[in-house]
Amino acid sequence: MSTDELSSQQRDQSVATNFTLRDYLEAARLASNRARTVTIVLLVTSVVMLIGMLNSLYHSWAQRRILASASPYARYVADNIGPPPVRQIGETEKVLNDKRSLYQERYHELYASLMKEYVESEFGVRVPLFGVKIDVNDLGAFGGFALLIVLFMFDYSARREAENLSVSFNRAMQAGQVHEFYDLLAMHQLFTVPLRARTEKRERSAIFPKAICLLPIVVQIIVVAHDLYTNQAGDTLDPIHNDILNGCAFVWLLLMIPISIWTLRRLQDIDHTWDSWAAIRFADESLQTRGSCDEL
């Protein structure tokens, strides 16, 4: 084999190796993006459920506005539509009655708007993107089921990310390009904080992104507690339906506990994988630093 043919073959192998590593890098990056997307969905679902539950409370702001507007002469009403009219010097009775009539119309429009907002926010929660509305009494059952599904997707995405991460790093190790692969992939991480030195320790703040998988449990506990607190109102409407919904909400809560624990373990496995490869990535730098100190 001539020198040109050998050089061409090595160049082709190098191009093939680099192309393969780019594929592995892209696959690992996409796995991280999937987990990030599911995390955002989990946050949005939890926040929507929490807001819907807070709006259904007896002491919600919408109800307080209704109570504060019970009288057309209340201070809250005056702050929004102005003070009620009073007789001015030289003003006739007809003009005063016309002003009072207009003021009553404004008051009725304000009260009707507040009552409409109260009914819409108190008894229903509108789901983003889909546009459907869920009754607040069904929030624990249907919302809890949605949280459970998203949490399961989060666990599955984290598991796939951990597996893809190990496979990709092993492939980069075989190609002898762990340093470049580690640095490039670390730039795409958001919830995982890869170490930047062998002696570096993970900050305590890194635990906060992992606490996201516990958010569905917190929200579901609040919703179930509120359902039990208002259980008498549900029994007044439909006792059987109310018992079924409360039972479903409690079952979803019990299922969320093991799934959340599994997800936490997946996220810890991802951190351990990054830590293991960080020791390999920065091993040469540690040796160089130690050699420089010995020369000094």
Protein backbone atom coordinates (compact mmCIF):
# COMPACT_ATOMS: atom_id res chain seq x y z
CA MET A 1 0.00 0.00 0.00
CA SER A 2 1.42 3.39 -1.01
CA THR A 3 1.85 6.34 1.34
CA ASP A 4 -0.94 8.33 -0.35
CA GLU A 5 -3.39 5.44 -0.03
CA LEU A 6 -2.48 4.94 3.65
CA SER A 7 -2.89 8.66 4.36
CA SER A 8 -6.24 8.70 2.54
CA GLN A 9 -7.46 5.67 4.51
CA GLN A 10 -6.48 7.26 7.83
CA ARG A 11 -8.20 10.48 6.81
CA ASP A 12 -11.39 8.60 5.91
CA GLN A 13 -11.31 6.77 9.23
CA SER A 14 -10.83 10.06 11.08
CA VAL A 15 -13.77 11.62 9.24
CA ALA A 16 -15.93 8.57 10.00
CA THR A 17 -14.90 8.65 13.66
CA ASN A 18 -15.67 12.36 13.98
CA PHE A 19 -19.01 11.89 12.26
CA THR A 20 -19.92 9.07 14.64
CA LEU A 21 -18.96 11.13 17.67
CA ARG A 22 -21.10 14.00 16.43
CA ASP A 23 -24.02 11.60 16.23
CA TYR A 24 -23.42 10.43 19.79
CA LEU A 25 -23.07 14.02 20.94
CA GLU A 26 -26.33 14.97 19.24
CA ALA A 27 -28.13 11.96 20.72
CA ALA A 28 -26.94 12.80 24.24
CA ARG A 29 -27.91 16.43 23.76
CA LEU A 30 -31.39 15.53 22.53
CA ALA A 31 -31.89 13.21 25.50
CA SER A 32 -31.06 16.12 27.81
CA ASN A 33 -33.46 18.39 25.90
CA ARG A 34 -36.28 15.85 26.23
CA ALA A 35 -35.83 15.74 29.98
CA ARG A 36 -35.77 19.54 30.06
CA THR A 37 -39.01 19.79 28.05
CA VAL A 38 -40.79 17.30 30.32
CA THR A 39 -39.56 19.29 33.31
CA ILE A 40 -41.15 22.45 31.93
CA VAL A 41 -44.43 20.59 31.33
CA LEU A 42 -44.27 19.28 34.89
CA LEU A 43 -43.78 22.78 36.26
CA VAL A 44 -46.63 24.25 34.21
CA THR A 45 -49.03 21.45 35.20
CA SER A 46 -48.17 21.81 38.88
CA VAL A 47 -48.54 25.60 38.83
CA VAL A 48 -51.89 25.44 36.99
CA MET A 49 -53.24 22.95 39.52
CA LEU A 50 -51.99 25.02 42.44
CA ILE A 51 -53.48 28.24 41.06
CA GLY A 52 -56.80 26.52 40.36
CA MET A 53 -56.93 25.19 43.89
CA LEU A 54 -56.06 28.58 45.41
CA ASN A 55 -58.76 30.30 43.36
CA SER A 56 -61.35 27.84 44.68
CA LEU A 57 -60.67 28.67 48.32
CA TYR A 58 -63.39 30.36 50.30
CA HIS A 59 -61.12 33.29 51.07
CA SER A 60 -59.83 33.81 47.51
CA TRP A 61 -59.32 37.31 46.14
CA ALA A 62 -62.28 36.95 43.78
CA GLN A 63 -64.60 36.27 46.69
CA ARG A 64 -63.10 39.12 48.71
CA ARG A 65 -63.85 41.50 45.85
CA ILE A 66 -67.46 40.35 45.85
CA LEU A 67 -67.78 40.94 49.59
CA ALA A 68 -66.06 44.31 49.34
CA SER A 69 -68.55 45.37 46.63
CA ALA A 70 -71.68 44.34 48.50
CA SER A 71 -72.74 47.97 48.86
CA PRO A 72 -72.59 50.69 46.16
CA TYR A 73 -71.25 53.02 48.85
CA ALA A 74 -68.36 50.77 49.86
CA ARG A 75 -64.85 52.16 49.69
CA TYR A 76 -63.69 49.47 47.25
CA VAL A 77 -66.51 50.43 44.86
CA ALA A 78 -65.62 54.11 45.14
CA ASP A 79 -61.97 53.33 44.34
CA ASN A 80 -63.01 51.65 41.08
CA ILE A 81 -65.95 53.66 39.72
CA GLY A 82 -65.64 56.82 41.74
CA PRO A 83 -67.52 58.15 44.79
CA PRO A 84 -71.31 58.22 44.75
CA PRO A 85 -72.79 61.53 43.55
CA VAL A 86 -73.83 64.17 46.06
CA ARG A 87 -75.97 67.25 45.58
CA GLN A 88 -74.02 70.26 44.40
CA ILE A 89 -74.93 73.86 45.06
CA GLY A 90 -77.66 74.94 42.71
CA GLU A 91 -78.22 71.42 41.37
CA THR A 92 -81.78 70.31 40.74
CA GLU A 93 -83.30 67.08 41.97
CA LYS A 94 -83.63 65.73 38.43
CA VAL A 95 -79.94 66.18 37.66
CA LEU A 96 -78.98 64.49 40.92
CA ASN A 97 -81.30 61.55 40.19
CA ASP A 98 -79.77 61.18 36.72
CA LYS A 99 -76.26 61.06 38.24
CA ARG A 100 -77.38 58.50 40.79
CA SER A 101 -78.98 56.40 38.06
CA LEU A 102 -75.74 56.42 36.02
CA TYR A 103 -73.77 55.55 39.14
CA GLN A 104 -76.08 52.61 39.86
CA GLU A 105 -75.57 51.36 36.31
CA ARG A 106 -71.81 51.52 36.70
CA TYR A 107 -72.08 49.73 40.04
CA HIS A 108 -74.24 46.93 38.59
CA GLU A 109 -71.78 46.48 35.69
CA LEU A 110 -68.88 46.30 38.12
CA TYR A 111 -70.66 43.82 40.37
CA ALA A 112 -71.74 41.66 37.42
CA SER A 113 -68.16 41.58 36.10
CA LEU A 114 -66.79 40.63 39.51
CA MET A 115 -69.42 37.92 39.91
CA LYS A 116 -68.63 36.52 36.45
CA GLU A 117 -64.92 36.44 37.24
CA TYR A 118 -65.66 34.77 40.57
CA VAL A 119 -67.78 32.03 39.00
CA GLU A 120 -65.27 31.35 36.22
CA SER A 121 -62.25 31.17 38.55
CA GLU A 122 -64.00 29.56 41.52
CA PHE A 123 -65.67 26.60 39.87
CA GLY A 124 -63.40 25.79 36.93
CA VAL A 125 -59.79 25.64 35.78
CA ARG A 126 -58.97 26.18 32.11
CA VAL A 127 -56.25 23.89 30.79
CA PRO A 128 -53.58 25.72 28.74
CA LEU A 129 -53.24 24.88 25.01
CA PHE A 130 -56.26 22.52 25.00
CA GLY A 131 -58.81 25.16 26.04
CA VAL A 132 -60.94 22.69 27.99
CA LYS A 133 -62.21 23.53 31.46
CA ILE A 134 -62.02 21.23 34.48
CA ASP A 135 -64.33 21.61 37.42
CA VAL A 136 -62.43 22.35 40.62
CA ASN A 137 -64.08 19.37 42.29
CA ASP A 138 -62.42 17.13 39.67
CA LEU A 139 -59.03 18.78 40.09
CA GLY A 140 -57.63 16.21 42.52
CA ALA A 141 -58.65 13.24 40.36
CA PHE A 142 -57.99 14.43 36.81
CA GLY A 143 -55.21 16.88 37.67
CA GLY A 144 -53.52 14.29 39.86
CA PHE A 145 -53.68 11.76 37.03
CA ALA A 146 -52.09 14.30 34.67
CA LEU A 147 -49.32 14.96 37.19
CA LEU A 148 -48.75 11.24 37.58
CA ILE A 149 -48.38 10.75 33.81
CA VAL A 150 -46.01 13.71 33.43
CA LEU A 151 -43.98 12.51 36.41
CA PHE A 152 -43.71 9.05 34.82
CA MET A 153 -42.54 10.67 31.57
CA PHE A 154 -39.99 12.65 33.57
CA ASP A 155 -38.66 9.43 35.14
CA TYR A 156 -38.50 7.72 31.75
CA SER A 157 -36.71 10.69 30.16
CA ALA A 158 -34.19 10.83 32.99
CA ARG A 159 -33.54 7.09 32.65
CA ARG A 160 -32.98 7.39 28.91
CA GLU A 161 -30.68 10.37 29.46
CA ALA A 162 -28.57 8.40 31.96
CA GLU A 163 -28.28 5.45 29.57
CA ASN A 164 -27.44 7.61 26.55
CA LEU A 165 -24.90 9.51 28.60
CA SER A 166 -22.98 6.36 29.55
CA VAL A 167 -23.04 4.99 26.00
CA SER A 168 -21.87 8.31 24.52
CA PHE A 169 -19.00 8.75 26.95
CA ASN A 170 -17.83 5.17 26.39
CA ARG A 171 -17.84 5.80 22.63
CA ALA A 172 -15.84 8.99 23.11
CA MET A 173 -13.39 7.07 25.29
CA GLN A 174 -12.84 4.53 22.51
CA ALA A 175 -12.18 7.34 20.05
CA GLY A 176 -9.78 9.05 22.46
CA GLN A 177 -11.76 12.30 22.51
CA VAL A 178 -13.23 12.36 26.00
CA HIS A 179 -11.92 15.88 26.71
CA GLU A 180 -13.64 17.51 23.74
CA PHE A 181 -16.77 15.43 24.14
CA TYR A 182 -17.09 16.27 27.85
CA ASP A 183 -16.64 20.02 27.28
CA LEU A 184 -19.09 20.22 24.37
CA LEU A 185 -21.79 18.18 26.06
CA ALA A 186 -21.38 20.08 29.34
CA MET A 187 -22.25 23.32 27.52
CA HIS A 188 -25.72 21.94 26.71
CA GLN A 189 -26.63 21.05 30.31
CA LEU A 190 -29.11 23.13 32.27
CA PHE A 191 -30.41 21.20 35.28
CA THR A 192 -27.22 19.15 35.59
CA VAL A 193 -24.09 21.06 36.58
CA PRO A 194 -21.00 19.20 35.30
CA LEU A 195 -17.81 19.69 37.30
CA ARG A 196 -15.08 21.85 35.78
CA ALA A 197 -12.16 20.44 37.79
CA ARG A 198 -11.26 17.09 39.33
CA THR A 199 -11.06 18.50 42.85
CA GLU A 200 -14.24 20.56 42.48
CA LYS A 201 -17.27 19.60 44.55
CA ARG A 202 -20.86 19.97 43.50
CA GLU A 203 -22.57 23.03 44.99
CA ARG A 204 -25.50 22.62 47.32
CA SER A 205 -27.65 24.71 44.99
CA ALA A 206 -27.51 21.82 42.49
CA ILE A 207 -30.13 20.04 44.60
CA PHE A 208 -32.85 22.56 43.68
CA PRO A 209 -33.40 21.35 40.07
CA LYS A 210 -33.83 17.82 41.41
CA ALA A 211 -36.48 19.00 43.87
CA ILE A 212 -38.73 19.65 40.86
CA CYS A 213 -39.75 15.98 40.82
CA LEU A 214 -41.11 16.45 44.35
CA LEU A 215 -43.37 19.32 43.29
CA PRO A 216 -46.23 17.05 42.08
CA ILE A 217 -46.36 15.37 45.50
CA VAL A 218 -46.53 18.74 47.25
CA VAL A 219 -49.29 19.99 44.94
CA GLN A 220 -51.29 16.76 45.21
CA ILE A 221 -51.02 16.78 49.01
CA ILE A 222 -52.39 20.33 49.08
CA VAL A 223 -55.23 19.42 46.72
CA VAL A 224 -56.15 16.27 48.66
CA ALA A 225 -56.04 18.16 51.97
CA HIS A 226 -58.32 20.84 50.52
CA ASP A 227 -60.73 18.19 49.20
CA LEU A 228 -60.93 16.61 52.64
CA TYR A 229 -61.44 20.01 54.24
CA THR A 230 -64.34 20.78 51.87
CA ASN A 231 -65.67 17.23 51.84
CA GLN A 232 -68.99 18.32 53.33
CA ALA A 233 -69.70 20.58 50.36
CA GLY A 234 -68.98 17.69 47.98
CA ASP A 235 -71.27 15.35 49.87
CA THR A 236 -74.03 17.94 49.60
CA LEU A 237 -73.79 17.89 45.79
CA ASP A 238 -73.18 14.18 45.13
CA PRO A 239 -71.84 11.88 47.88
CA ILE A 240 -70.97 8.91 45.62
CA HIS A 241 -69.26 11.05 42.99
CA ASN A 242 -67.38 12.91 45.71
CA ASP A 243 -66.12 9.68 47.31
CA ILE A 244 -64.90 8.35 43.97
CA LEU A 245 -63.00 11.55 43.21
CA ASN A 246 -61.41 11.66 46.65
CA GLY A 247 -60.38 8.01 46.36
CA CYS A 248 -58.78 8.57 42.94
CA ALA A 249 -56.91 11.64 44.16
CA PHE A 250 -55.53 9.69 47.13
CA VAL A 251 -54.47 6.75 44.93
CA TRP A 252 -52.59 9.10 42.55
CA LEU A 253 -50.84 10.60 45.56
CA LEU A 254 -49.67 7.17 46.74
CA LEU A 255 -48.38 6.30 43.27
CA MET A 256 -46.46 9.57 42.99
CA ILE A 257 -44.27 8.73 45.99
CA PRO A 258 -42.35 5.74 44.51
CA ILE A 259 -42.13 7.35 41.07
CA SER A 260 -40.63 10.51 42.59
CA ILE A 261 -38.08 8.40 44.49
CA TRP A 262 -37.14 6.56 41.29
CA THR A 263 -36.77 9.87 39.45
CA LEU A 264 -34.50 11.26 42.16
CA ARG A 265 -32.31 8.18 41.83
CA ARG A 266 -32.16 8.64 38.05
CA LEU A 267 -31.03 12.22 38.48
CA GLN A 268 -28.42 11.17 41.02
CA ASP A 269 -27.16 8.53 38.59
CA ILE A 270 -26.74 11.26 35.98
CA ASP A 271 -24.68 13.32 38.43
CA HIS A 272 -22.55 10.29 39.33
CA THR A 273 -21.93 9.62 35.64
CA TRP A 274 -20.77 13.19 35.10
CA ASP A 275 -18.57 13.03 38.21
CA SER A 276 -16.94 9.79 37.06
CA TRP A 277 -16.12 11.16 33.64
CA ALA A 278 -15.00 14.47 35.14
CA ALA A 279 -12.32 12.55 37.05
CA ILE A 280 -11.13 11.10 33.73
CA ARG A 281 -11.48 14.39 31.88
CA PHE A 282 -9.37 16.40 34.33
CA ALA A 283 -6.95 13.63 35.34
CA ASP A 284 -4.24 14.81 32.93
CA GLU A 285 -4.58 18.41 34.10
CA SER A 286 -4.11 17.30 37.70
CA LEU A 287 -0.94 15.45 36.74
CA GLN A 288 0.36 18.46 34.86
CA THR A 289 -0.35 20.74 37.78
CA ARG A 290 1.39 18.35 40.19
CA GLY A 291 4.40 18.14 37.84
CA SER A 292 4.66 21.91 37.65
CA CYS A 293 4.62 22.14 41.45
CA ASP A 294 7.38 19.52 41.68
CA GLU A 295 9.56 21.47 39.27
CA LEU A 296 9.13 24.62 41.35
